[in-house]
Protein backbone atom coordinates (compact mmCIF):
# COMPACT_ATOMS: atom_id res chain seq x y z
CA UNK A 1 0.00 0.00 0.00
CA UNK A 2 1.38 3.41 -1.05
CA UNK A 3 1.71 6.23 1.47
CA UNK A 4 0.02 9.52 0.50
CA UNK A 5 2.28 12.26 -0.88
CA UNK A 6 2.81 15.31 1.34
CA UNK A 7 3.31 18.99 0.59
CA UNK A 8 3.67 22.21 2.56
CA UNK A 9 1.45 25.10 1.47
CA UNK A 10 3.30 28.25 2.44
CA UNK A 11 6.61 28.03 4.32
CA UNK A 12 8.63 24.82 4.19
CA UNK A 13 8.91 23.49 7.74
CA UNK A 14 10.70 20.18 7.13
CA UNK A 15 13.51 19.32 4.72
CA UNK A 16 11.98 16.06 3.49
CA UNK A 17 8.69 17.65 2.33
CA UNK A 18 8.64 20.26 -0.48
CA UNK A 19 6.66 23.49 -0.28
CA UNK A 20 4.74 25.79 -2.63
CA UNK A 21 3.86 29.44 -1.86
CA UNK A 22 0.24 30.44 -1.26
CA UNK A 23 -1.44 33.84 -1.36
CA UNK A 24 -2.90 35.36 0.76
CA UNK A 25 -0.94 34.26 3.82
CA UNK A 26 -3.89 34.75 6.17
CA UNK A 27 -5.78 31.96 4.39
CA UNK A 28 -3.37 29.39 5.80
CA UNK A 29 -3.97 30.14 9.49
CA UNK A 30 -7.75 29.79 8.98
CA UNK A 31 -7.51 26.14 7.95
CA UNK A 32 -8.30 23.20 10.30
CA UNK A 33 -6.92 19.66 10.48
CA UNK A 34 -9.00 17.23 8.45
CA UNK A 35 -10.30 19.85 5.98
CA UNK A 36 -10.34 18.87 2.32
CA UNK A 37 -9.11 21.50 -0.11
CA UNK A 38 -10.24 21.21 -3.71
CA UNK A 39 -8.52 22.33 -6.91
CA UNK A 40 -8.22 21.69 -10.62
CA UNK A 41 -4.60 20.95 -11.44
CA UNK A 42 -2.49 21.89 -14.48
CA UNK A 43 -4.07 19.03 -16.47
CA UNK A 44 -7.59 20.19 -15.49
CA UNK A 45 -8.12 17.18 -13.25
CA UNK A 46 -10.16 17.61 -10.08
CA UNK A 47 -8.02 16.86 -7.02
CA UNK A 48 -8.41 16.96 -3.22
CA UNK A 49 -5.77 17.80 -0.60
CA UNK A 50 -6.37 16.74 3.03
CA UNK A 51 -5.05 19.08 5.74
CA UNK A 52 -2.74 17.26 8.19
CA UNK A 53 -1.13 20.12 10.13
CA UNK A 54 -1.89 23.83 10.48
CA UNK A 55 0.59 26.57 11.40
CA UNK A 56 0.37 30.33 11.13
CA UNK A 57 2.59 30.39 8.03
CA UNK A 58 2.16 26.87 6.64
CA UNK A 59 -0.30 24.04 6.14
CA UNK A 60 0.76 20.43 5.61
CA UNK A 61 -1.47 18.53 3.18
CA UNK A 62 -1.43 15.00 1.79
CA UNK A 63 -2.96 13.44 -1.32
CA UNK A 64 -3.11 9.99 -2.93
CA UNK A 65 -3.53 10.88 -6.62
CA UNK A 66 -0.91 12.60 -8.78
CA UNK A 67 -1.35 16.39 -8.76
CA UNK A 68 0.27 18.68 -11.36
CA UNK A 69 0.78 21.97 -9.53
CA UNK A 70 1.26 25.24 -11.40
CA UNK A 71 1.44 28.93 -10.56
CA UNK A 72 -2.03 30.49 -10.33
CA UNK A 73 -4.00 27.36 -9.42
CA UNK A 74 -6.93 28.15 -7.09
CA UNK A 75 -7.40 26.26 -3.80
CA UNK A 76 -10.93 26.18 -2.33
CA UNK A 77 -11.64 25.45 1.33
CA UNK A 78 -14.97 23.95 2.57
CA UNK A 79 -16.08 27.40 3.78
CA UNK A 80 -15.65 28.82 0.27
CA UNK A 81 -12.48 30.77 1.06
CA UNK A 82 -9.99 30.72 -1.81
CA UNK A 83 -6.23 31.04 -2.16
CA UNK A 84 -3.89 31.00 -5.15
CA UNK A 85 -0.62 29.16 -5.60
CA UNK A 86 2.21 31.67 -5.99
CA UNK A 87 5.25 31.35 -8.26
CA UNK A 88 6.58 27.82 -7.95
CA UNK A 89 10.33 27.39 -7.31
CA UNK A 90 12.38 26.14 -10.22
CA UNK A 91 13.44 22.49 -9.95
CA UNK A 92 16.22 20.87 -11.96
CA UNK A 93 15.03 17.94 -14.06
CA UNK A 94 17.20 14.91 -14.76
CA UNK A 95 17.08 11.49 -16.38
CA UNK A 96 18.82 8.38 -15.06
CA UNK A 97 20.39 6.36 -17.85
CA UNK A 98 21.97 2.90 -17.80
CA UNK A 99 24.02 0.79 -20.18
CA UNK A 100 21.88 -0.72 -22.93
CA UNK A 101 19.13 1.89 -22.77
CA UNK A 102 18.18 4.00 -25.76
CA UNK A 103 18.41 7.78 -25.54
CA UNK A 104 16.58 9.68 -28.25
CA UNK A 105 18.05 13.04 -29.32
CA UNK A 106 15.52 15.39 -30.91
CA UNK A 107 16.59 18.09 -33.37
CA UNK A 108 14.78 20.71 -31.25
CA UNK A 109 14.33 21.61 -27.58
CA UNK A 110 10.54 21.96 -27.48
CA UNK A 111 8.85 20.10 -24.57
CA UNK A 112 7.43 16.69 -25.45
CA UNK A 113 5.13 14.50 -23.31
CA UNK A 114 6.45 11.26 -21.81
CA UNK A 115 4.95 8.18 -23.44
CA UNK A 116 5.01 4.92 -21.48
CA UNK A 117 7.89 2.69 -22.55
CA UNK A 118 9.20 5.05 -25.26
CA UNK A 119 12.96 5.88 -25.23
CA UNK A 120 14.30 8.58 -22.94
CA UNK A 121 14.13 11.87 -24.84
CA UNK A 122 16.24 15.05 -24.76
CA UNK A 123 16.60 17.97 -27.14
CA UNK A 124 19.72 18.90 -29.11
CA UNK A 125 20.44 22.49 -30.16
CA UNK A 126 22.65 21.43 -33.09
CA UNK A 127 20.45 20.13 -35.93
CA UNK A 128 23.52 19.80 -38.20
CA UNK A 129 24.48 16.73 -36.15
CA UNK A 130 21.56 14.85 -37.70
CA UNK A 131 23.42 14.32 -40.99
CA UNK A 132 25.57 11.22 -41.63
CA UNK A 133 26.03 10.39 -37.95
CA UNK A 134 24.84 6.76 -37.89
CA UNK A 135 27.33 4.44 -36.20
CA UNK A 136 29.36 7.29 -34.71
CA UNK A 137 30.15 7.75 -31.03
CA UNK A 138 28.57 10.50 -28.94
CA UNK A 139 29.50 11.79 -25.48
CA UNK A 140 27.32 13.76 -23.08
CA UNK A 141 27.96 15.76 -19.91
CA UNK A 142 31.75 16.16 -20.30
CA UNK A 143 32.23 12.49 -21.15
CA UNK A 144 30.34 11.09 -18.16
CA UNK A 145 27.82 9.39 -20.46
CA UNK A 146 28.74 7.76 -23.76
CA UNK A 147 26.91 5.92 -26.51
CA UNK A 148 26.76 4.92 -30.15
CA UNK A 149 24.31 6.42 -32.63
CA UNK A 150 22.33 3.45 -33.94
CA UNK A 151 19.87 5.24 -36.23
CA UNK A 152 19.37 8.72 -37.63
CA UNK A 153 16.07 10.20 -38.82
CA UNK A 154 15.15 13.72 -39.96
CA UNK A 155 13.64 14.60 -36.57
CA UNK A 156 15.65 12.45 -34.16
CA UNK A 157 18.52 10.04 -33.64
CA UNK A 158 18.64 7.05 -31.30
CA UNK A 159 21.74 6.51 -29.14
CA UNK A 160 22.52 3.20 -27.44
CA UNK A 161 24.11 3.99 -24.07
CA UNK A 162 27.44 2.16 -23.65
CA UNK A 163 29.30 4.12 -20.93
CA UNK A 164 27.91 5.37 -17.59
CA UNK A 165 28.82 5.17 -13.91
CA UNK A 166 28.69 1.83 -12.03
CA UNK A 167 25.09 2.44 -10.91
CA UNK A 168 23.99 4.48 -13.92
CA UNK A 169 24.31 8.23 -14.44
CA UNK A 170 21.98 11.20 -14.18
CA UNK A 171 21.70 13.43 -17.23
CA UNK A 172 20.62 16.96 -16.34
CA UNK A 173 19.58 19.92 -18.46
CA UNK A 174 22.04 22.23 -20.21
CA UNK A 175 24.77 19.60 -20.55
CA UNK A 176 27.07 19.49 -23.54
CA UNK A 177 26.98 16.90 -26.35
CA UNK A 178 30.14 15.96 -28.25
CA UNK A 179 30.25 14.27 -31.68
CA UNK A 180 34.02 13.63 -31.96
CA UNK A 181 33.94 11.58 -35.17
CA UNK A 182 31.09 13.27 -37.02
CA UNK A 183 31.93 15.82 -39.71
CA UNK A 184 29.33 18.46 -38.88
CA UNK A 185 29.98 20.80 -41.83
CA UNK A 186 29.30 23.79 -39.63
CA UNK A 187 30.04 27.32 -40.86
CA UNK A 188 32.99 28.92 -39.13
CA UNK A 189 31.00 32.05 -38.39
CA UNK A 190 27.25 32.18 -37.86
CA UNK A 191 25.27 35.30 -38.63
CA UNK A 192 25.22 36.04 -34.90
CA UNK A 193 29.02 35.74 -34.83
CA UNK A 194 29.33 38.26 -37.67
CA UNK A 195 27.12 40.72 -35.83
CA UNK A 196 29.09 40.26 -32.61
CA UNK A 197 32.41 40.78 -34.39
CA UNK A 198 31.31 44.29 -35.37
CA UNK A 199 31.09 45.09 -31.65
CA UNK A 200 34.33 43.23 -30.88
CA UNK A 201 36.19 45.22 -33.52
CA UNK A 202 35.27 48.49 -31.76
CA UNK A 203 35.65 47.50 -28.10
CA UNK A 204 37.79 44.37 -27.55
CA UNK A 205 41.50 43.61 -27.57
CA UNK A 206 41.22 39.88 -28.28
CA UNK A 207 38.64 37.65 -29.94
CA UNK A 208 38.52 33.95 -29.01
CA UNK A 209 37.31 31.50 -31.65
CA UNK A 210 35.81 28.30 -30.23
CA UNK A 211 35.69 24.86 -31.86
CA UNK A 212 38.17 25.67 -34.63
CA UNK A 213 38.22 22.70 -37.01
CA UNK A 214 40.13 23.83 -40.10
CA UNK A 215 42.33 26.49 -41.67
CA UNK A 216 39.25 27.70 -43.54
CA UNK A 217 37.57 28.50 -40.22
CA UNK A 218 40.52 30.75 -39.38
CA UNK A 219 40.55 32.31 -42.86
CA UNK A 220 36.86 33.23 -42.51
CA UNK A 221 37.48 34.89 -39.13
CA UNK A 222 40.48 36.88 -40.35
CA UNK A 223 38.65 37.96 -43.50
CA UNK A 224 35.78 39.28 -41.40
CA UNK A 225 38.16 41.19 -39.10
CA UNK A 226 39.95 42.67 -42.12
CA UNK A 227 36.62 43.77 -43.56
CA UNK A 228 35.93 45.53 -40.26
CA UNK A 229 39.37 47.21 -40.36
CA UNK A 230 40.23 45.42 -37.12
CA UNK A 231 43.76 44.16 -37.72
CA UNK A 232 44.74 45.46 -34.29
CA UNK A 233 42.43 42.91 -32.60
CA UNK A 234 44.37 39.83 -31.45
CA UNK A 235 43.07 36.32 -32.19
CA UNK A 236 43.06 33.25 -29.92
CA UNK A 237 42.07 29.89 -31.40
CA UNK A 238 40.57 27.32 -29.04
CA UNK A 239 41.65 23.81 -29.99
CA UNK A 240 38.99 21.55 -28.52
CA UNK A 241 38.01 19.08 -31.25
CA UNK A 242 39.64 16.12 -32.97
CA UNK A 243 39.38 17.98 -36.27
CA UNK A 244 41.09 21.04 -34.82
CA UNK A 245 43.95 18.91 -33.51
CA UNK A 246 44.37 16.95 -36.73
CA UNK A 247 44.47 20.14 -38.84
CA UNK A 248 46.56 22.17 -36.40
CA UNK A 249 49.64 22.58 -38.70
CA UNK A 250 47.55 24.20 -41.45
CA UNK A 251 45.56 26.17 -38.85
CA UNK A 252 48.81 27.62 -37.49
CA UNK A 253 50.09 28.51 -40.95
CA UNK A 254 46.85 30.41 -41.58
CA UNK A 255 46.79 32.33 -38.29
CA UNK A 256 50.52 33.19 -38.43
CA UNK A 257 49.80 35.80 -41.09
CA UNK A 258 47.90 37.79 -38.43
CA UNK A 259 49.84 40.34 -36.42
CA UNK A 260 49.17 38.83 -32.97
CA UNK A 261 47.64 35.40 -32.39
CA UNK A 262 47.64 32.51 -29.95
CA UNK A 263 46.24 29.05 -29.29
CA UNK A 264 44.27 27.86 -26.27
CA UNK A 265 44.44 24.18 -25.32
CA UNK A 266 40.79 23.89 -24.22
CA UNK A 267 41.28 20.63 -22.37
CA UNK A 268 37.67 20.17 -21.26
CA UNK A 269 36.06 19.37 -24.61
CA UNK A 270 39.36 18.18 -26.08
CA UNK A 271 39.65 15.41 -23.47
CA UNK A 272 36.10 14.28 -24.21
CA UNK A 273 36.74 14.29 -27.95
CA UNK A 274 40.12 12.53 -27.97
CA UNK A 275 39.54 10.28 -24.97
CA UNK A 276 40.91 11.00 -21.51
CA UNK A 277 43.78 8.53 -21.86
CA UNK A 278 45.14 10.46 -24.88
CA UNK A 279 44.79 13.93 -23.37
CA UNK A 280 48.35 14.13 -22.01
CA UNK A 281 49.83 13.11 -25.37
CA UNK A 282 47.66 15.47 -27.40
CA UNK A 283 48.37 18.55 -25.28
CA UNK A 284 52.11 17.88 -25.53
CA UNK A 285 51.90 17.67 -29.33
CA UNK A 286 50.00 20.97 -29.44
CA UNK A 287 52.74 22.57 -27.34
CA UNK A 288 55.44 21.23 -29.69
CA UNK A 289 53.70 22.51 -32.82
CA UNK A 290 52.96 25.94 -31.36
CA UNK A 291 56.55 26.34 -30.15
CA UNK A 292 57.79 25.53 -33.64
CA UNK A 293 55.41 28.12 -35.06
CA UNK A 294 56.33 30.71 -32.39
CA UNK A 295 52.65 30.94 -31.46
CA UNK A 296 51.93 31.50 -27.72
CA UNK A 297 49.76 28.96 -25.90
CA UNK A 298 47.12 29.28 -23.17
CA UNK A 299 46.98 26.22 -20.85
CA UNK A 300 43.30 26.03 -19.86
CA UNK A 301 40.54 24.07 -18.11
CA UNK A 302 40.44 22.85 -14.50
CA UNK A 303 43.87 24.18 -13.51
CA UNK A 304 43.93 24.16 -9.67
CA UNK A 305 40.14 23.87 -9.78
CA UNK A 306 39.79 22.11 -6.42
CA UNK A 307 41.96 24.77 -4.78
CA UNK A 308 39.97 27.62 -6.36
CA UNK A 309 36.62 26.11 -5.34
CA UNK A 310 37.35 24.32 -2.05
CA UNK A 311 40.56 25.88 -0.76
CA UNK A 312 42.80 22.80 -0.90
CA UNK A 313 44.48 21.42 -4.04
CA UNK A 314 45.03 17.78 -4.92
CA UNK A 315 48.57 16.57 -5.54
CA UNK A 316 47.72 15.84 -9.17
CA UNK A 317 46.55 19.45 -9.59
CA UNK A 318 49.91 20.81 -8.47
CA UNK A 319 51.72 18.59 -10.97
CA UNK A 320 49.31 19.63 -13.69
CA UNK A 321 49.81 23.32 -12.89
CA UNK A 322 53.58 22.81 -13.10
CA UNK A 323 53.14 21.45 -16.63
CA UNK A 324 51.50 24.74 -17.52
CA UNK A 325 54.96 26.33 -17.36
CA UNK A 326 55.46 25.05 -20.92
CA UNK A 327 52.81 27.50 -22.10
CA UNK A 328 52.86 31.29 -22.12
CA UNK A 329 49.64 31.67 -20.16
CA UNK A 330 47.63 29.60 -17.67
CA UNK A 331 43.90 30.15 -17.25
CA UNK A 332 42.15 29.74 -13.89
CA UNK A 333 38.42 29.40 -13.40
CA UNK A 334 36.54 31.40 -10.79
CA UNK A 335 35.98 30.23 -7.23
CA UNK A 336 35.83 31.55 -3.66
CA UNK A 337 39.54 30.72 -3.18
CA UNK A 338 40.79 32.00 -6.54
CA UNK A 339 43.23 34.45 -4.88
CA UNK A 340 44.91 31.53 -3.09
CA UNK A 341 44.95 29.66 -6.41
CA UNK A 342 46.72 32.58 -8.10
CA UNK A 343 49.34 32.73 -5.35
CA UNK A 344 49.96 28.98 -5.55
CA UNK A 345 50.12 29.03 -9.34
CA UNK A 346 52.58 31.92 -9.31
CA UNK A 347 54.84 30.10 -6.84
CA UNK A 348 54.76 26.82 -8.78
CA UNK A 349 55.44 28.46 -12.15
CA UNK A 350 58.25 30.59 -10.77
CA UNK A 351 60.01 27.50 -9.41
CA UNK A 352 59.47 25.52 -12.60
CA UNK A 353 60.77 28.33 -14.83
CA UNK A 354 64.29 27.48 -13.69
CA UNK A 355 63.97 23.92 -14.94
CA UNK A 356 62.56 24.36 -18.44
CA UNK A 357 61.94 26.92 -21.14
CA UNK A 358 58.92 25.86 -23.15
CA UNK A 359 59.74 22.22 -24.08
CA UNK A 360 63.50 22.50 -23.49
CA UNK A 361 65.09 21.27 -20.24
CA UNK A 362 67.60 23.77 -18.81
CA UNK A 363 69.46 21.26 -16.59
CA UNK A 364 70.03 23.83 -13.84
CA UNK A 365 71.79 23.00 -10.59
CA UNK A 366 69.40 21.05 -8.37
CA UNK A 367 68.66 22.70 -5.04
CA UNK A 368 64.93 22.34 -4.56
CA UNK A 369 65.50 21.14 -0.98
CA UNK A 370 67.51 24.22 0.09
CA UNK A 371 64.51 26.07 1.56
CA UNK A 372 63.77 23.09 3.83
CA UNK A 373 67.16 22.93 5.57
CA UNK A 374 66.84 23.85 9.22
């Protein structure tokens, strides 16, 4: 036998029971235990809530049938007094996925109703991915969930889940989707990008180009900047795809004709695209190529992230930050302890600068222990 669901009307008075606001507040205190409150829910179904507890600022109710609450729904007490549900708090939705399940990607993000045993459904904001993707691998949520595209249709594609956590994984809204082996044929610059570049040309010092895949992408960006008479604006190319890595020599040759340019190793998406086990090798090859081209590099993504967010770094983070000395710039993400992260990074890089210059070992005299002699 199922226990009735419970809900606080008004102020939440216990952590294990959710609450929804009610107006006017005085309506709550006038309720009595055992009263039955009536309403028509968001699906226009008649429902009844039984009052269990009454407080000055909250009423605990319980109900046995599913109720779809929405802002503006009217509650009616037995004495005819009415109240209205206020603005409901936003709740994050998620889907739990497991190996072997089918996840359906739609080529839009419009809401769709759940239908019994149909596949799990999410929207995709990149309709270009729905061309020639059958059989390719796809990764979601920074590589936490992986699968293989088994079928592609004009309106959707079905993904067989092959990689999740030991007990399954939760897929939440606004998570990224990577198609590392699918040639998406995306334009380098969208119309929105072209509009934004007009503003960048007047007000910015540097423009960053994300998801660079080819030399033609770079050529399109530089041509647009030239058309805007913005040769003084520096260019940074974010290498974060397999295509960008594979075409990096030609990409560098194209960007080297610009007055000032650089490359960012965007290790977040790049690790998902190349596979985490290849990340160390790939970032080293990017450093080699950029040093040969005399193009400065930004070492980015998750550098000292635990320190910046929680105040204490992991040992692996310190080693990773030390590797950043091979680049010209290291990027930190925000966090409540970012000042401490900057201090630590500065100390680590200063010490490492005596050991190597870019990819060349300097073979200096070893005295790292000197500061510890008592």
